Amino acid sequence: MGGSGEGARPAFLVRLVERWAEQGIRAAGGAGEAEVRGFEGRRGVRLPAGLRDYFRSVGGIAVDGESPALDQDLIRFWPLEEVSSLAKAWVPAREAERWFVIADYAMWTWAYVVRLSSDAEEAAPVAVNFGGAELRPIADSFHEFVEMYLRRDPLVISPDQ
């Protein structure tokens, strides 16, 4: 990826990276602004602030063979270059072209998805998708999703229960 993002990392992302470090997990490193803009342009979306900060400064869990690729709960946060719509993954969910996979559980047993639009100010809720048409809402924003993840909220850690 293109290098670390500019500016101070928001506190919720600092805590995310610290949690991963406690487990021996390395963050992949942030995407450059050109990469973020390229992603947005190719997909016709604008990333909301919290998600943009995440991709610019954290960039997902590193898959480098030196640190774990999954966390203690078998969740993997994806780097920007791997993010794709549910439509591209052939998942039949409603508005599948607007929902983008940002993380998964146990090698795609289920996916954590965010709804994106061409307006960065529009709500960007996070839901769980189990591979079919159902989208189970779990958070109103990426920031809220990360906060729930950090406190190991059952809606994030075991949404199939």
Protein backbone atom coordinates (compact mmCIF):
# COMPACT_ATOMS: atom_id res chain seq x y z
CA MET A 1 0.00 0.00 0.00
CA GLY A 2 0.97 3.59 -0.42
CA GLY A 3 2.14 4.50 3.06
CA SER A 4 0.76 5.89 6.25
CA GLY A 5 -2.03 8.42 6.38
CA GLU A 6 -1.48 11.99 7.38
CA GLY A 7 -2.46 13.58 10.69
CA ALA A 8 -3.25 12.15 14.10
CA ARG A 9 -4.99 8.80 14.25
CA PRO A 10 -8.43 9.06 15.95
CA ALA A 11 -8.55 7.55 19.45
CA PHE A 12 -10.83 4.67 18.45
CA LEU A 13 -8.29 3.62 15.81
CA VAL A 14 -5.40 3.93 18.27
CA ARG A 15 -7.27 1.52 20.55
CA LEU A 16 -7.91 -0.83 17.62
CA VAL A 17 -4.22 -1.03 16.72
CA GLU A 18 -3.30 -1.48 20.41
CA ARG A 19 -5.79 -4.38 20.73
CA TRP A 20 -4.27 -6.06 17.71
CA ALA A 21 -0.73 -5.49 19.02
CA GLU A 22 -1.71 -7.26 22.27
CA GLN A 23 -2.45 -10.31 20.10
CA GLY A 24 0.74 -10.01 18.06
CA ILE A 25 -1.19 -8.65 15.06
CA ARG A 26 0.29 -5.95 12.85
CA ALA A 27 -1.77 -3.32 11.04
CA ALA A 28 -1.25 -3.37 7.28
CA GLY A 29 -0.48 0.36 7.13
CA GLY A 30 -2.53 3.12 5.66
CA ALA A 31 -3.39 3.73 2.05
CA GLY A 32 -2.25 6.88 0.33
CA GLU A 33 -4.74 9.59 -0.57
CA ALA A 34 -4.40 8.66 -4.26
CA GLU A 35 -5.37 5.06 -3.46
CA VAL A 36 -8.39 6.19 -1.45
CA ARG A 37 -9.53 8.56 -4.20
CA GLY A 38 -8.97 5.83 -6.80
CA PHE A 39 -11.13 3.41 -4.81
CA GLU A 40 -13.85 6.03 -4.49
CA GLY A 41 -13.70 6.96 -8.17
CA ARG A 42 -13.81 3.37 -9.45
CA ARG A 43 -16.80 2.54 -7.27
CA GLY A 44 -18.66 5.86 -7.38
CA VAL A 45 -18.62 6.27 -3.60
CA ARG A 46 -17.18 8.62 -0.99
CA LEU A 47 -15.84 7.17 2.26
CA PRO A 48 -17.28 8.66 5.45
CA ALA A 49 -14.71 10.28 7.78
CA GLY A 50 -14.21 7.38 10.22
CA LEU A 51 -13.78 4.80 7.48
CA ARG A 52 -11.48 7.11 5.51
CA ASP A 53 -9.36 7.63 8.65
CA TYR A 54 -9.18 3.86 9.11
CA PHE A 55 -8.03 3.17 5.56
CA ARG A 56 -5.60 6.10 5.60
CA SER A 57 -3.95 5.25 8.93
CA VAL A 58 -4.55 1.58 9.81
CA GLY A 59 -5.39 -0.23 6.60
CA GLY A 60 -6.58 -3.57 7.96
CA ILE A 61 -4.72 -6.56 9.38
CA ALA A 62 -1.37 -7.31 7.74
CA VAL A 63 -1.14 -10.65 5.96
CA ASP A 64 2.61 -11.04 5.91
CA GLY A 65 3.27 -14.52 7.29
CA GLU A 66 4.94 -12.98 10.34
CA SER A 67 1.91 -12.01 12.41
CA PRO A 68 -1.54 -13.58 12.78
CA ALA A 69 -3.96 -12.77 9.95
CA LEU A 70 -7.00 -13.25 12.20
CA ASP A 71 -7.69 -11.90 15.66
CA GLN A 72 -8.57 -13.97 18.73
CA ASP A 73 -12.19 -14.12 17.54
CA LEU A 74 -11.22 -15.18 13.98
CA ILE A 75 -12.06 -11.75 12.53
CA ARG A 76 -9.95 -10.19 9.81
CA PHE A 77 -10.22 -6.52 8.91
CA TRP A 78 -9.49 -6.02 5.20
CA PRO A 79 -7.08 -3.57 3.58
CA LEU A 80 -8.58 -1.15 1.06
CA GLU A 81 -7.20 -3.09 -1.93
CA GLU A 82 -9.32 -6.12 -0.98
CA VAL A 83 -12.58 -4.31 -0.27
CA SER A 84 -15.30 -5.20 -2.77
CA SER A 85 -19.05 -4.91 -3.05
CA LEU A 86 -21.35 -7.79 -2.23
CA ALA A 87 -22.48 -7.62 -5.86
CA LYS A 88 -18.93 -8.36 -7.03
CA ALA A 89 -18.84 -11.32 -4.62
CA TRP A 90 -22.08 -12.62 -6.19
CA VAL A 91 -24.04 -12.19 -2.96
CA PRO A 92 -27.77 -11.66 -3.67
CA ALA A 93 -28.42 -9.05 -0.95
CA ARG A 94 -30.63 -6.05 -1.73
CA GLU A 95 -28.58 -3.08 -2.95
CA ALA A 96 -25.57 -5.42 -3.10
CA GLU A 97 -23.63 -2.89 -5.20
CA ARG A 98 -23.81 -0.37 -2.29
CA TRP A 99 -22.63 -2.77 0.44
CA PHE A 100 -18.86 -3.28 0.72
CA VAL A 101 -17.04 -6.03 2.63
CA ILE A 102 -14.64 -4.51 5.18
CA ALA A 103 -13.98 -7.55 7.39
CA ASP A 104 -14.89 -11.20 7.66
CA TYR A 105 -15.12 -14.00 10.17
CA ALA A 106 -13.26 -17.32 9.78
CA MET A 107 -12.43 -17.08 6.09
CA TRP A 108 -15.83 -15.69 4.95
CA THR A 109 -18.16 -17.66 7.20
CA TRP A 110 -19.82 -14.25 7.37
CA ALA A 111 -18.86 -10.78 6.27
CA TYR A 112 -19.03 -7.37 7.90
CA VAL A 113 -20.25 -4.88 5.32
CA VAL A 114 -20.71 -1.11 5.17
CA ARG A 115 -23.21 0.71 2.97
CA LEU A 116 -21.51 3.44 0.96
CA SER A 117 -22.90 6.15 -1.30
CA SER A 118 -21.64 9.06 -3.36
CA ASP A 119 -22.17 11.36 -0.35
CA ALA A 120 -19.58 11.03 2.46
CA GLU A 121 -22.08 12.66 4.86
CA GLU A 122 -24.79 10.06 4.24
CA ALA A 123 -25.25 7.40 6.93
CA ALA A 124 -22.96 4.41 6.37
CA PRO A 125 -24.32 1.61 8.56
CA VAL A 126 -22.48 -1.65 9.15
CA ALA A 127 -24.26 -4.98 8.83
CA VAL A 128 -23.44 -8.68 8.84
CA ASN A 129 -24.03 -10.79 5.76
CA PHE A 130 -24.08 -14.58 5.98
CA GLY A 131 -23.71 -15.10 2.23
CA GLY A 132 -27.36 -14.78 1.26
CA ALA A 133 -29.85 -11.97 0.88
CA GLU A 134 -30.05 -11.06 4.59
CA LEU A 135 -28.21 -7.99 5.87
CA ARG A 136 -28.37 -7.91 9.67
CA PRO A 137 -27.71 -4.34 10.93
CA ILE A 138 -25.22 -4.09 13.78
CA ALA A 139 -23.93 -0.48 13.88
CA ASP A 140 -24.89 2.96 12.57
CA SER A 141 -21.29 3.74 11.54
CA PHE A 142 -17.82 2.25 11.15
CA HIS A 143 -16.74 4.10 14.32
CA GLU A 144 -19.58 2.49 16.29
CA PHE A 145 -18.71 -0.91 14.76
CA VAL A 146 -15.08 -0.61 15.93
CA GLU A 147 -16.19 0.46 19.43
CA MET A 148 -18.47 -2.59 19.59
CA TYR A 149 -15.64 -4.80 18.33
CA LEU A 150 -13.26 -3.42 20.97
CA ARG A 151 -15.67 -4.24 23.79
CA ARG A 152 -16.33 -7.65 22.18
CA ASP A 153 -20.04 -6.98 21.76
CA PRO A 154 -21.86 -10.21 20.87
CA LEU A 155 -23.51 -8.49 17.87
CA VAL A 156 -20.03 -8.26 16.33
CA ILE A 157 -18.21 -11.25 17.82
CA SER A 158 -20.99 -13.84 17.40
CA PRO A 159 -23.82 -12.37 15.31
CA ASP A 160 -24.99 -15.85 14.35
CA GLN A 161 -26.21 -16.53 17.89
